[in-house]
PDB file of N, CA and C in Angstrom:
ATOM      1  N   MET A   1      90.286 150.426  68.456  1.00  0.00           N
ATOM      2  CA  MET A   1      90.948 149.654  69.377  1.00  0.00           C
ATOM      3  C   MET A   1      90.292 148.198  69.560  1.00  0.00           C
ATOM      4  N   GLN A   2      90.999 147.165  69.586  1.00  0.00           N
ATOM      5  CA  GLN A   2      90.380 145.851  69.679  1.00  0.00           C
ATOM      6  C   GLN A   2      90.135 145.403  70.892  1.00  0.00           C
ATOM      7  N   GLU A   3      88.926 144.744  71.156  1.00  0.00           N
ATOM      8  CA  GLU A   3      88.579 144.237  72.573  1.00  0.00           C
ATOM      9  C   GLU A   3      89.288 143.113  72.893  1.00  0.00           C
ATOM     10  N   PRO A   4      89.630 142.880  74.044  1.00  0.00           N
ATOM     11  CA  PRO A   4      90.295 141.696  74.639  1.00  0.00           C
ATOM     12  C   PRO A   4      89.466 140.456  74.334  1.00  0.00           C
ATOM     13  N   ILE A   5      90.006 139.425  74.180  1.00  0.00           N
ATOM     14  CA  ILE A   5      89.284 138.142  73.957  1.00  0.00           C
ATOM     15  C   ILE A   5      88.776 137.703  75.280  1.00  0.00           C
ATOM     16  N   LYS A   6      87.509 137.461  75.375  1.00  0.00           N
ATOM     17  CA  LYS A   6      86.984 136.796  76.582  1.00  0.00           C
ATOM     18  C   LYS A   6      87.283 135.341  76.600  1.00  0.00           C
ATOM     19  N   THR A   7      87.795 134.936  77.803  1.00  0.00           N
ATOM     20  CA  THR A   7      88.000 133.481  78.074  1.00  0.00           C
ATOM     21  C   THR A   7      87.037 132.991  79.020  1.00  0.00           C
ATOM     22  N   THR A   8      86.810 131.664  78.982  1.00  0.00           N
ATOM     23  CA  THR A   8      86.040 131.112  80.021  1.00  0.00           C
ATOM     24  C   THR A   8      86.940 130.149  80.866  1.00  0.00           C
ATOM     25  N   LYS A   9      86.553 130.083  81.996  1.00  0.00           N
ATOM     26  CA  LYS A   9      87.352 129.167  82.942  1.00  0.00           C
ATOM     27  C   LYS A   9      86.961 127.814  82.816  1.00  0.00           C
ATOM     28  N   ALA A  10      87.828 127.003  82.798  1.00  0.00           N
ATOM     29  CA  ALA A  10      87.628 125.507  82.806  1.00  0.00           C
ATOM     30  C   ALA A  10      86.908 125.009  83.980  1.00  0.00           C
ATOM     31  N   ILE A  11      86.025 124.036  83.795  1.00  0.00           N
ATOM     32  CA  ILE A  11      85.378 123.264  84.917  1.00  0.00           C
ATOM     33  C   ILE A  11      85.993 121.913  84.871  1.00  0.00           C
ATOM     34  N   PRO A  12      86.787 121.522  85.907  1.00  0.00           N
ATOM     35  CA  PRO A  12      87.468 120.215  85.944  1.00  0.00           C
ATOM     36  C   PRO A  12      86.430 119.023  86.338  1.00  0.00           C
ATOM     37  N   PHE A  13      85.532 118.751  85.411  1.00  0.00           N
ATOM     38  CA  PHE A  13      84.532 117.658  85.719  1.00  0.00           C
ATOM     39  C   PHE A  13      85.106 116.470  86.137  1.00  0.00           C
ATOM     40  N   PHE A  14      86.210 115.902  85.530  1.00  0.00           N
ATOM     41  CA  PHE A  14      86.688 114.620  86.151  1.00  0.00           C
ATOM     42  C   PHE A  14      87.303 114.823  87.442  1.00  0.00           C
ATOM     43  N   GLU A  15      88.029 115.881  87.778  1.00  0.00           N
ATOM     44  CA  GLU A  15      88.459 116.024  89.175  1.00  0.00           C
ATOM     45  C   GLU A  15      87.406 116.060  90.106  1.00  0.00           C
ATOM     46  N   VAL A  16      86.259 116.664  89.802  1.00  0.00           N
ATOM     47  CA  VAL A  16      85.209 116.757  90.673  1.00  0.00           C
ATOM     48  C   VAL A  16      84.590 115.321  90.927  1.00  0.00           C
ATOM     49  N   TYR A  17      84.491 114.540  89.702  1.00  0.00           N
ATOM     50  CA  TYR A  17      83.977 113.235  89.764  1.00  0.00           C
ATOM     51  C   TYR A  17      84.836 112.325  90.683  1.00  0.00           C
ATOM     52  N   VAL A  18      86.230 112.394  90.469  1.00  0.00           N
ATOM     53  CA  VAL A  18      87.030 111.482  91.421  1.00  0.00           C
ATOM     54  C   VAL A  18      87.011 111.893  92.878  1.00  0.00           C
ATOM     55  N   CYS A  19      86.851 113.250  93.033  1.00  0.00           N
ATOM     56  CA  CYS A  19      86.694 113.681  94.486  1.00  0.00           C
ATOM     57  C   CYS A  19      85.419 113.112  95.047  1.00  0.00           C
ATOM     58  N   LEU A  20      84.326 113.243  94.282  1.00  0.00           N
ATOM     59  CA  LEU A  20      82.981 112.721  94.889  1.00  0.00           C
ATOM     60  C   LEU A  20      82.982 111.208  94.918  1.00  0.00           C
ATOM     61  N   ILE A  21      83.526 110.561  94.091  1.00  0.00           N
ATOM     62  CA  ILE A  21      83.641 109.026  94.132  1.00  0.00           C
ATOM     63  C   ILE A  21      84.443 108.579  95.254  1.00  0.00           C
ATOM     64  N   SER A  22      85.586 109.319  95.543  1.00  0.00           N
ATOM     65  CA  SER A  22      86.498 108.958  96.632  1.00  0.00           C
ATOM     66  C   SER A  22      85.699 109.203  97.984  1.00  0.00           C
ATOM     67  N   ALA A  23      84.906 110.222  98.078  1.00  0.00           N
ATOM     68  CA  ALA A  23      84.207 110.604  99.179  1.00  0.00           C
ATOM     69  C   ALA A  23      83.188 109.652  99.475  1.00  0.00           C
ATOM     70  N   TYR A  24      82.465 109.086  98.321  1.00  0.00           N
ATOM     71  CA  TYR A  24      81.436 108.216  98.411  1.00  0.00           C
ATOM     72  C   TYR A  24      82.027 106.876  99.009  1.00  0.00           C
ATOM     73  N   ILE A  25      83.083 106.463  98.416  1.00  0.00           N
ATOM     74  CA  ILE A  25      83.824 105.165  98.796  1.00  0.00           C
ATOM     75  C   ILE A  25      84.171 105.318 100.276  1.00  0.00           C
ATOM     76  N   SER A  26      84.676 106.407 100.774  1.00  0.00           N
ATOM     77  CA  SER A  26      85.154 106.517 102.168  1.00  0.00           C
ATOM     78  C   SER A  26      83.954 106.436 102.996  1.00  0.00           C
ATOM     79  N   ALA A  27      82.831 107.085 102.564  1.00  0.00           N
ATOM     80  CA  ALA A  27      81.583 106.952 103.415  1.00  0.00           C
ATOM     81  C   ALA A  27      81.032 105.587 103.515  1.00  0.00           C
ATOM     82  N   VAL A  28      81.133 104.718 102.416  1.00  0.00           N
ATOM     83  CA  VAL A  28      80.603 103.364 102.410  1.00  0.00           C
ATOM     84  C   VAL A  28      81.520 102.601 103.432  1.00  0.00           C
ATOM     85  N   LEU A  29      82.833 102.870 103.291  1.00  0.00           N
ATOM     86  CA  LEU A  29      83.805 102.062 104.113  1.00  0.00           C
ATOM     87  C   LEU A  29      83.620 102.397 105.696  1.00  0.00           C
ATOM     88  N   PHE A  30      83.354 103.561 105.902  1.00  0.00           N
ATOM     89  CA  PHE A  30      83.262 104.030 107.295  1.00  0.00           C
ATOM     90  C   PHE A  30      81.952 103.576 107.819  1.00  0.00           C
ATOM     91  N   MET A  31      80.816 103.560 107.052  1.00  0.00           N
ATOM     92  CA  MET A  31      79.636 103.436 107.637  1.00  0.00           C
ATOM     93  C   MET A  31      78.847 102.025 107.550  1.00  0.00           C
ATOM     94  N   SER A  32      79.589 101.121 106.886  1.00  0.00           N
ATOM     95  CA  SER A  32      79.072  99.922 106.773  1.00  0.00           C
ATOM     96  C   SER A  32      80.098  98.695 106.893  1.00  0.00           C
ATOM     97  N   ASP A  33      79.658  97.596 107.023  1.00  0.00           N
ATOM     98  CA  ASP A  33      80.631  96.433 107.264  1.00  0.00           C
ATOM     99  C   ASP A  33      80.698  95.747 105.836  1.00  0.00           C
ATOM    100  N   ILE A  34      81.086  96.400 104.859  1.00  0.00           N
ATOM    101  CA  ILE A  34      81.081  95.767 103.453  1.00  0.00           C
ATOM    102  C   ILE A  34      82.144  94.732 103.419  1.00  0.00           C
ATOM    103  N   PHE A  35      83.164  94.775 104.130  1.00  0.00           N
ATOM    104  CA  PHE A  35      84.136  93.750 104.131  1.00  0.00           C
ATOM    105  C   PHE A  35      83.718  92.262 104.639  1.00  0.00           C
ATOM    106  N   ALA A  36      82.528  92.342 105.312  1.00  0.00           N
ATOM    107  CA  ALA A  36      82.029  91.093 105.739  1.00  0.00           C
ATOM    108  C   ALA A  36      81.256  90.356 104.739  1.00  0.00           C
ATOM    109  N   LYS A  37      80.953  90.994 103.620  1.00  0.00           N
ATOM    110  CA  LYS A  37      80.348  90.276 102.447  1.00  0.00           C
ATOM    111  C   LYS A  37      81.289  89.261 101.832  1.00  0.00           C
ATOM    112  N   ASP A  38      80.630  88.246 101.378  1.00  0.00           N
ATOM    113  CA  ASP A  38      81.315  87.148 100.705  1.00  0.00           C
ATOM    114  C   ASP A  38      81.876  87.571  99.267  1.00  0.00           C
ATOM    115  N   SER A  39      82.988  88.181  99.327  1.00  0.00           N
ATOM    116  CA  SER A  39      83.510  88.698  98.065  1.00  0.00           C
ATOM    117  C   SER A  39      85.036  88.544  98.013  1.00  0.00           C
ATOM    118  N   GLU A  40      85.573  88.128  96.969  1.00  0.00           N
ATOM    119  CA  GLU A  40      87.080  87.925  96.852  1.00  0.00           C
ATOM    120  C   GLU A  40      87.736  89.199  96.907  1.00  0.00           C
ATOM    121  N   VAL A  41      87.110  90.236  96.280  1.00  0.00           N
ATOM    122  CA  VAL A  41      87.658  91.629  96.221  1.00  0.00           C
ATOM    123  C   VAL A  41      87.811  92.132  97.565  1.00  0.00           C
ATOM    124  N   TYR A  42      86.763  92.071  98.533  1.00  0.00           N
ATOM    125  CA  TYR A  42      86.908  92.596  99.772  1.00  0.00           C
ATOM    126  C   TYR A  42      87.822  91.690 100.610  1.00  0.00           C
ATOM    127  N   ALA A  43      87.856  90.445 100.383  1.00  0.00           N
ATOM    128  CA  ALA A  43      88.710  89.660 101.206  1.00  0.00           C
ATOM    129  C   ALA A  43      90.301  89.887 100.815  1.00  0.00           C
ATOM    130  N   SER A  44      90.472  90.208  99.689  1.00  0.00           N
ATOM    131  CA  SER A  44      91.988  90.510  99.198  1.00  0.00           C
ATOM    132  C   SER A  44      92.329  91.875  99.866  1.00  0.00           C
ATOM    133  N   MET A  45      91.403  92.871  99.831  1.00  0.00           N
ATOM    134  CA  MET A  45      91.636  94.139 100.432  1.00  0.00           C
ATOM    135  C   MET A  45      91.808  93.978 101.904  1.00  0.00           C
ATOM    136  N   ALA A  46      90.936  93.244 102.559  1.00  0.00           N
ATOM    137  CA  ALA A  46      91.080  93.020 104.016  1.00  0.00           C
ATOM    138  C   ALA A  46      92.363  92.287 104.455  1.00  0.00           C
ATOM    139  N   ARG A  47      92.959  91.569 103.561  1.00  0.00           N
ATOM    140  CA  ARG A  47      94.263  90.964 103.930  1.00  0.00           C
ATOM    141  C   ARG A  47      95.313  91.945 103.906  1.00  0.00           C
ATOM    142  N   LEU A  48      95.292  93.097 103.238  1.00  0.00           N
ATOM    143  CA  LEU A  48      96.284  94.165 103.215  1.00  0.00           C
ATOM    144  C   LEU A  48      96.062  95.211 104.302  1.00  0.00           C
ATOM    145  N   MET A  49      94.889  95.558 104.537  1.00  0.00           N
ATOM    146  CA  MET A  49      94.494  96.673 105.496  1.00  0.00           C
ATOM    147  C   MET A  49      93.097  96.452 106.094  1.00  0.00           C
ATOM    148  N   PRO A  50      92.808  97.080 107.268  1.00  0.00           N
ATOM    149  CA  PRO A  50      91.441  96.975 107.802  1.00  0.00           C
ATOM    150  C   PRO A  50      90.524  97.978 106.997  1.00  0.00           C
ATOM    151  N   GLN A  51      89.388  97.729 106.997  1.00  0.00           N
ATOM    152  CA  GLN A  51      88.421  98.538 106.276  1.00  0.00           C
ATOM    153  C   GLN A  51      88.458 100.042 106.494  1.00  0.00           C
ATOM    154  N   MET A  52      88.575 100.442 107.874  1.00  0.00           N
ATOM    155  CA  MET A  52      88.764 101.843 108.211  1.00  0.00           C
ATOM    156  C   MET A  52      89.915 102.511 107.568  1.00  0.00           C
ATOM    157  N   ALA A  53      91.099 101.746 107.494  1.00  0.00           N
ATOM    158  CA  ALA A  53      92.307 102.299 106.819  1.00  0.00           C
ATOM    159  C   ALA A  53      92.011 102.645 105.333  1.00  0.00           C
ATOM    160  N   TRP A  54      91.305 101.644 104.663  1.00  0.00           N
ATOM    161  CA  TRP A  54      90.930 102.030 103.217  1.00  0.00           C
ATOM    162  C   TRP A  54      90.051 103.144 103.149  1.00  0.00           C
ATOM    163  N   GLY A  55      89.105 103.340 104.185  1.00  0.00           N
ATOM    164  CA  GLY A  55      88.162 104.484 104.248  1.00  0.00           C
ATOM    165  C   GLY A  55      89.004 105.701 104.453  1.00  0.00           C
ATOM    166  N   GLY A  56      90.040 105.710 105.258  1.00  0.00           N
ATOM    167  CA  GLY A  56      90.784 106.756 105.585  1.00  0.00           C
ATOM    168  C   GLY A  56      91.558 107.418 104.332  1.00  0.00           C
ATOM    169  N   ILE A  57      92.135 106.374 103.557  1.00  0.00           N
ATOM    170  CA  ILE A  57      92.840 106.740 102.336  1.00  0.00           C
ATOM    171  C   ILE A  57      91.900 107.411 101.470  1.00  0.00           C
ATOM    172  N   ALA A  58      90.685 106.843 101.187  1.00  0.00           N
ATOM    173  CA  ALA A  58      89.814 107.447 100.190  1.00  0.00           C
ATOM    174  C   ALA A  58      89.349 108.802 100.753  1.00  0.00           C
ATOM    175  N   PHE A  59      89.144 108.936 102.060  1.00  0.00           N
ATOM    176  CA  PHE A  59      88.700 110.331 102.576  1.00  0.00           C
ATOM    177  C   PHE A  59      89.856 111.132 102.412  1.00  0.00           C
ATOM    178  N   ALA A  60      91.050 110.902 102.582  1.00  0.00           N
ATOM    179  CA  ALA A  60      92.221 111.781 102.421  1.00  0.00           C
ATOM    180  C   ALA A  60      92.394 112.262 100.888  1.00  0.00           C
ATOM    181  N   ILE A  61      92.120 111.348  99.932  1.00  0.00           N
ATOM    182  CA  ILE A  61      92.215 111.749  98.605  1.00  0.00           C
ATOM    183  C   ILE A  61      91.045 112.769  98.254  1.00  0.00           C
ATOM    184  N   ALA A  62      89.879 112.373  98.741  1.00  0.00           N
ATOM    185  CA  ALA A  62      88.704 113.397  98.599  1.00  0.00           C
ATOM    186  C   ALA A  62      88.960 114.693  99.144  1.00  0.00           C
ATOM    187  N   LEU A  63      89.482 114.770 100.336  1.00  0.00           N
ATOM    188  CA  LEU A  63      89.792 116.019 100.948  1.00  0.00           C
ATOM    189  C   LEU A  63      90.915 116.880 100.282  1.00  0.00           C
ATOM    190  N   THR A  64      91.981 116.126  99.874  1.00  0.00           N
ATOM    191  CA  THR A  64      92.979 116.686  99.109  1.00  0.00           C
ATOM    192  C   THR A  64      92.509 117.341  97.779  1.00  0.00           C
ATOM    193  N   MET A  65      91.697 116.535  97.067  1.00  0.00           N
ATOM    194  CA  MET A  65      91.249 116.992  95.826  1.00  0.00           C
ATOM    195  C   MET A  65      90.163 118.220  95.923  1.00  0.00           C
ATOM    196  N   ALA A  66      89.400 118.036  97.071  1.00  0.00           N
ATOM    197  CA  ALA A  66      88.436 119.166  97.329  1.00  0.00           C
ATOM    198  C   ALA A  66      89.215 120.519  97.686  1.00  0.00           C
ATOM    199  N   LEU A  67      90.238 120.393  98.489  1.00  0.00           N
ATOM    200  CA  LEU A  67      91.004 121.586  98.821  1.00  0.00           C
ATOM    201  C   LEU A  67      91.762 122.103  97.648  1.00  0.00           C
ATOM    202  N   GLY A  68      92.299 121.327  96.789  1.00  0.00           N
ATOM    203  CA  GLY A  68      93.000 121.794  95.606  1.00  0.00           C
ATOM    204  C   GLY A  68      92.085 122.561  94.630  1.00  0.00           C
ATOM    205  N   LEU A  69      90.835 121.986  94.475  1.00  0.00           N
ATOM    206  CA  LEU A  69      89.758 122.722  93.670  1.00  0.00           C
ATOM    207  C   LEU A  69      89.294 124.092  94.410  1.00  0.00           C
ATOM    208  N   LEU A  70      89.052 124.034  95.705  1.00  0.00           N
ATOM    209  CA  LEU A  70      88.521 125.144  96.336  1.00  0.00           C
ATOM    210  C   LEU A  70      89.656 126.298  96.401  1.00  0.00           C
ATOM    211  N   LEU A  71      90.879 125.856  96.621  1.00  0.00           N
ATOM    212  CA  LEU A  71      91.981 126.889  96.708  1.00  0.00           C
ATOM    213  C   LEU A  71      92.588 127.200  95.503  1.00  0.00           C
ATOM    214  N   ASN A  72      92.135 126.508  94.348  1.00  0.00           N
ATOM    215  CA  ASN A  72      92.755 126.569  93.075  1.00  0.00           C
ATOM    216  C   ASN A  72      94.230 126.628  93.152  1.00  0.00           C
ATOM    217  N   CYS A  73      94.699 125.591  93.823  1.00  0.00           N
ATOM    218  CA  CYS A  73      96.122 125.298  93.957  1.00  0.00           C
ATOM    219  C   CYS A  73      96.624 124.177  93.046  1.00  0.00           C
ATOM    220  N   ARG A  74      97.277 124.382  92.051  1.00  0.00           N
ATOM    221  CA  ARG A  74      97.663 123.398  91.053  1.00  0.00           C
ATOM    222  C   ARG A  74      98.440 122.197  91.711  1.00  0.00           C
ATOM    223  N   TRP A  75      99.379 122.395  92.520  1.00  0.00           N
ATOM    224  CA  TRP A  75     100.230 121.402  93.041  1.00  0.00           C
ATOM    225  C   TRP A  75      99.371 120.496  93.948  1.00  0.00           C
ATOM    226  N   ILE A  76      98.419 121.013  94.671  1.00  0.00           N
ATOM    227  CA  ILE A  76      97.451 120.140  95.430  1.00  0.00           C
ATOM    228  C   ILE A  76      96.530 119.421  94.622  1.00  0.00           C
ATOM    229  N   ARG A  77      96.009 120.002  93.556  1.00  0.00           N
ATOM    230  CA  ARG A  77      95.274 119.280  92.580  1.00  0.00           C
ATOM    231  C   ARG A  77      96.064 118.111  91.953  1.00  0.00           C
ATOM    232  N   VAL A  78      97.284 118.388  91.611  1.00  0.00           N
ATOM    233  CA  VAL A  78      98.018 117.241  90.879  1.00  0.00           C
ATOM    234  C   VAL A  78      98.343 116.126  92.029  1.00  0.00           C
ATOM    235  N   PHE A  79      98.640 116.556  93.247  1.00  0.00           N
ATOM    236  CA  PHE A  79      98.857 115.627  94.256  1.00  0.00           C
ATOM    237  C   PHE A  79      97.663 114.701  94.568  1.00  0.00           C
ATOM    238  N   GLY A  80      96.493 115.276  94.575  1.00  0.00           N
ATOM    239  CA  GLY A  80      95.222 114.582  94.698  1.00  0.00           C
ATOM    240  C   GLY A  80      94.934 113.602  93.530  1.00  0.00           C
ATOM    241  N   LEU A  81      95.267 114.049  92.383  1.00  0.00           N
ATOM    242  CA  LEU A  81      95.101 113.206  91.258  1.00  0.00           C
ATOM    243  C   LEU A  81      96.164 111.981  91.182  1.00  0.00           C
ATOM    244  N   VAL A  82      97.436 112.241  91.623  1.00  0.00           N
ATOM    245  CA  VAL A  82      98.409 111.353  91.616  1.00  0.00           C
ATOM    246  C   VAL A  82      98.042 110.248  92.601  1.00  0.00           C
ATOM    247  N   THR A  83      97.636 110.660  93.808  1.00  0.00           N
ATOM    248  CA  THR A  83      97.322 109.666  94.837  1.00  0.00           C
ATOM    249  C   THR A  83      96.018 109.006  94.473  1.00  0.00           C
ATOM    250  N   ALA A  84      95.068 109.582  93.818  1.00  0.00           N
ATOM    251  CA  ALA A  84      93.865 108.793  93.259  1.00  0.00           C
ATOM    252  C   ALA A  84      94.186 107.816  92.254  1.00  0.00           C
ATOM    253  N   THR A  85      95.252 108.190  91.333  1.00  0.00           N
ATOM    254  CA  THR A  85      95.671 107.259  90.396  1.00  0.00           C
ATOM    255  C   THR A  85      96.305 105.972  91.016  1.00  0.00           C
ATOM    256  N   PHE A  86      97.157 106.282  91.978  1.00  0.00           N
ATOM    257  CA  PHE A  86      97.730 105.001  92.593  1.00  0.00           C
ATOM    258  C   PHE A  86      96.661 104.268  93.327  1.00  0.00           C
ATOM    259  N   LEU A  87      95.773 104.764  94.126  1.00  0.00           N
ATOM    260  CA  LEU A  87      94.831 104.081  94.732  1.00  0.00           C
ATOM    261  C   LEU A  87      93.971 103.218  93.676  1.00  0.00           C
ATOM    262  N   TYR A  88      93.535 103.783  92.644  1.00  0.00           N
ATOM    263  CA  TYR A  88      92.562 103.043  91.705  1.00  0.00           C
ATOM    264  C   TYR A  88      93.339 102.156  90.875  1.00  0.00           C
ATOM    265  N   VAL A  89      94.596 102.354  90.556  1.00  0.00           N
ATOM    266  CA  VAL A  89      95.558 101.461  89.858  1.00  0.00           C
ATOM    267  C   VAL A  89      95.711 100.191  90.603  1.00  0.00           C
ATOM    268  N   PHE A  90      95.861 100.401  92.134  1.00  0.00           N
ATOM    269  CA  PHE A  90      96.091  99.370  92.929  1.00  0.00           C
ATOM    270  C   PHE A  90      94.846  98.584  93.102  1.00  0.00           C
ATOM    271  N   LEU A  91      93.719  99.184  93.085  1.00  0.00           N
ATOM    272  CA  LEU A  91      92.436  98.312  93.171  1.00  0.00           C
ATOM    273  C   LEU A  91      92.071  97.836  91.881  1.00  0.00           C
ATOM    274  N   SER A  92      92.592  98.286  90.837  1.00  0.00           N
ATOM    275  CA  SER A  92      91.999  97.771  89.522  1.00  0.00           C
ATOM    276  C   SER A  92      92.310  96.151  89.236  1.00  0.00           C
ATOM    277  N   PRO A  93      93.380  95.623  89.740  1.00  0.00           N
ATOM    278  CA  PRO A  93      93.484  94.178  89.454  1.00  0.00           C
ATOM    279  C   PRO A  93      92.422  93.321  90.283  1.00  0.00           C
ATOM    280  N   ASN A  94      91.874  93.955  91.314  1.00  0.00           N
ATOM    281  CA  ASN A  94      90.720  93.245  91.984  1.00  0.00           C
ATOM    282  C   ASN A  94      89.537  92.964  91.152  1.00  0.00           C
ATOM    283  N   ILE A  95      89.334  93.624  90.005  1.00  0.00           N
ATOM    284  CA  ILE A  95      88.141  93.431  89.281  1.00  0.00           C
ATOM    285  C   ILE A  95      88.157  92.135  88.615  1.00  0.00           C
ATOM    286  N   PHE A  96      89.422  91.632  88.388  1.00  0.00           N
ATOM    287  CA  PHE A  96      89.608  90.264  87.744  1.00  0.00           C
ATOM    288  C   PHE A  96      89.204  89.069  88.660  1.00  0.00           C
ATOM    289  N   LEU A  97      89.084  89.353  89.939  1.00  0.00           N
ATOM    290  CA  LEU A  97      88.707  88.326  90.858  1.00  0.00           C
ATOM    291  C   LEU A  97      87.276  87.908  90.756  1.00  0.00           C
ATOM    292  N   ASP A  98      86.390  88.964  90.441  1.00  0.00           N
ATOM    293  CA  ASP A  98      84.911  88.785  90.206  1.00  0.00           C
ATOM    294  C   ASP A  98      84.434  89.121  88.990  1.00  0.00           C
ATOM    295  N   PHE A  99      85.312  89.191  87.922  1.00  0.00           N
ATOM    296  CA  PHE A  99      84.958  89.713  86.661  1.00  0.00           C
ATOM    297  C   PHE A  99      83.782  88.931  85.896  1.00  0.00           C
ATOM    298  N   PRO A 100      82.964  89.328  85.233  1.00  0.00           N
ATOM    299  CA  PRO A 100      82.728  90.897  85.078  1.00  0.00           C
ATOM    300  C   PRO A 100      81.691  91.260  86.227  1.00  0.00           C
ATOM    301  N   THR A 101      81.912  92.467  86.548  1.00  0.00           N
ATOM    302  CA  THR A 101      81.017  93.191  87.452  1.00  0.00           C
ATOM    303  C   THR A 101      80.531  94.480  87.004  1.00  0.00           C
ATOM    304  N   MET A 102      79.519  95.169  87.585  1.00  0.00           N
ATOM    305  CA  MET A 102      79.083  96.458  87.215  1.00  0.00           C
ATOM    306  C   MET A 102      80.306  97.489  87.379  1.00  0.00           C
ATOM    307  N   SER A 103      81.212  97.264  88.280  1.00  0.00           N
ATOM    308  CA  SER A 103      82.322  98.265  88.581  1.00  0.00           C
ATOM    309  C   SER A 103      83.589  98.004  87.775  1.00  0.00           C
ATOM    310  N   SER A 104      83.632  96.910  86.886  1.00  0.00           N
ATOM    311  CA  SER A 104      84.748  96.627  86.183  1.00  0.00           C
ATOM    312  C   SER A 104      85.225  97.799  85.326  1.00  0.00           C
ATOM    313  N   GLY A 105      84.336  98.408  84.571  1.00  0.00           N
ATOM    314  CA  GLY A 105      84.704  99.658  83.718  1.00  0.00           C
ATOM    315  C   GLY A 105      85.185 100.803  84.587  1.00  0.00           C
ATOM    316  N   PHE A 106      84.521 100.942  85.784  1.00  0.00           N
ATOM    317  CA  PHE A 106      84.975 102.098  86.672  1.00  0.00           C
ATOM    318  C   PHE A 106      86.544 101.902  87.019  1.00  0.00           C
ATOM    319  N   TYR A 107      86.819 100.778  87.503  1.00  0.00           N
ATOM    320  CA  TYR A 107      88.123 100.435  87.974  1.00  0.00           C
ATOM    321  C   TYR A 107      89.237 100.505  86.894  1.00  0.00           C
ATOM    322  N   LEU A 108      88.785 100.290  85.627  1.00  0.00           N
ATOM    323  CA  LEU A 108      89.640 100.315  84.507  1.00  0.00           C
ATOM    324  C   LEU A 108      89.797 101.870  83.939  1.00  0.00           C
ATOM    325  N   ILE A 109      88.780 102.607  83.901  1.00  0.00           N
ATOM    326  CA  ILE A 109      88.688 103.887  83.473  1.00  0.00           C
ATOM    327  C   ILE A 109      89.222 104.953  84.284  1.00  0.00           C
ATOM    328  N   THR A 110      88.806 104.859  85.612  1.00  0.00           N
ATOM    329  CA  THR A 110      89.223 105.967  86.572  1.00  0.00           C
ATOM    330  C   THR A 110      90.577 106.126  86.749  1.00  0.00           C
ATOM    331  N   PRO A 111      91.538 105.162  86.844  1.00  0.00           N
ATOM    332  CA  PRO A 111      92.984 105.452  86.994  1.00  0.00           C
ATOM    333  C   PRO A 111      93.526 106.064  85.732  1.00  0.00           C
ATOM    334  N   ILE A 112      93.024 105.671  84.522  1.00  0.00           N
ATOM    335  CA  ILE A 112      93.555 106.243  83.171  1.00  0.00           C
ATOM    336  C   ILE A 112      93.124 107.731  83.146  1.00  0.00           C
ATOM    337  N   MET A 113      91.915 107.914  83.475  1.00  0.00           N
ATOM    338  CA  MET A 113      91.517 109.340  83.348  1.00  0.00           C
ATOM    339  C   MET A 113      92.185 110.227  84.508  1.00  0.00           C
ATOM    340  N   SER A 114      92.326 109.665  85.627  1.00  0.00           N
ATOM    341  CA  SER A 114      93.086 110.379  86.691  1.00  0.00           C
ATOM    342  C   SER A 114      94.431 110.883  86.152  1.00  0.00           C
ATOM    343  N   LEU A 115      94.986 109.931  85.645  1.00  0.00           N
ATOM    344  CA  LEU A 115      96.499 110.111  85.173  1.00  0.00           C
ATOM    345  C   LEU A 115      96.443 111.236  83.942  1.00  0.00           C
ATOM    346  N   LEU A 116      95.590 111.047  83.085  1.00  0.00           N
ATOM    347  CA  LEU A 116      95.425 112.142  82.022  1.00  0.00           C
ATOM    348  C   LEU A 116      94.963 113.433  82.444  1.00  0.00           C
ATOM    349  N   SER A 117      94.215 113.490  83.581  1.00  0.00           N
ATOM    350  CA  SER A 117      93.782 114.768  84.248  1.00  0.00           C
ATOM    351  C   SER A 117      94.957 115.577  84.692  1.00  0.00           C
ATOM    352  N   ILE A 118      95.986 114.761  85.212  1.00  0.00           N
ATOM    353  CA  ILE A 118      97.129 115.490  85.746  1.00  0.00           C
ATOM    354  C   ILE A 118      97.819 116.444  84.733  1.00  0.00           C
ATOM    355  N   PHE A 119      97.806 116.009  83.483  1.00  0.00           N
ATOM    356  CA  PHE A 119      98.288 116.875  82.419  1.00  0.00           C
ATOM    357  C   PHE A 119      97.404 117.955  82.117  1.00  0.00           C
ATOM    358  N   TYR A 120      96.085 117.761  82.260  1.00  0.00           N
ATOM    359  CA  TYR A 120      95.213 118.868  81.963  1.00  0.00           C
ATOM    360  C   TYR A 120      95.270 119.939  83.055  1.00  0.00           C
ATOM    361  N   VAL A 121      95.519 119.573  84.239  1.00  0.00           N
ATOM    362  CA  VAL A 121      95.693 120.659  85.428  1.00  0.00           C
ATOM    363  C   VAL A 121      96.718 121.676  85.009  1.00  0.00           C
ATOM    364  N   ARG A 122      97.806 121.328  84.379  1.00  0.00           N
ATOM    365  CA  ARG A 122      98.738 122.211  84.069  1.00  0.00           C
ATOM    366  C   ARG A 122      98.402 123.298  83.198  1.00  0.00           C
ATOM    367  N   PHE A 123      97.276 123.082  82.274  1.00  0.00           N
ATOM    368  CA  PHE A 123      96.953 124.067  81.410  1.00  0.00           C
ATOM    369  C   PHE A 123      95.585 124.585  81.641  1.00  0.00           C
ATOM    370  N   SER A 124      95.010 124.274  82.722  1.00  0.00           N
ATOM    371  CA  SER A 124      93.662 124.754  83.163  1.00  0.00           C
ATOM    372  C   SER A 124      93.716 125.812  84.151  1.00  0.00           C
ATOM    373  N   GLU A 125      92.700 126.684  83.993  1.00  0.00           N
ATOM    374  CA  GLU A 125      92.591 127.840  84.994  1.00  0.00           C
ATOM    375  C   GLU A 125      91.236 127.802  85.495  1.00  0.00           C
ATOM    376  N   LEU A 126      91.093 127.744  86.885  1.00  0.00           N
ATOM    377  CA  LEU A 126      89.886 127.709  87.470  1.00  0.00           C
ATOM    378  C   LEU A 126      89.221 129.027  87.724  1.00  0.00           C
TER     379      LEU A 126
END
């Protein structure tokens, strides 16, 4: 009799990364007055919404992604990645205001990888 093939469960490293970076961004926005800095990026963000609103959006994304991972619920994981993709795509044009910066690559790569991770969730098992 043949033994069943052992499978290993996937570790969604990029989902965890986006969750943690969103939590970090929300913490920075909630606990500092970063919009007061002389930066075109923060000035353009402040014209759209107050700093606390941006922090709330980042926190909601981090919370959604964490719940999706903890509950192993695919539709919550996908929803978290979709909202993260929209947030980081929306923020990505801001890098051209102060280009080049250390965060330029982050704002270009994160939305692309978030979008690609949506398709990975379909085939991954936690």
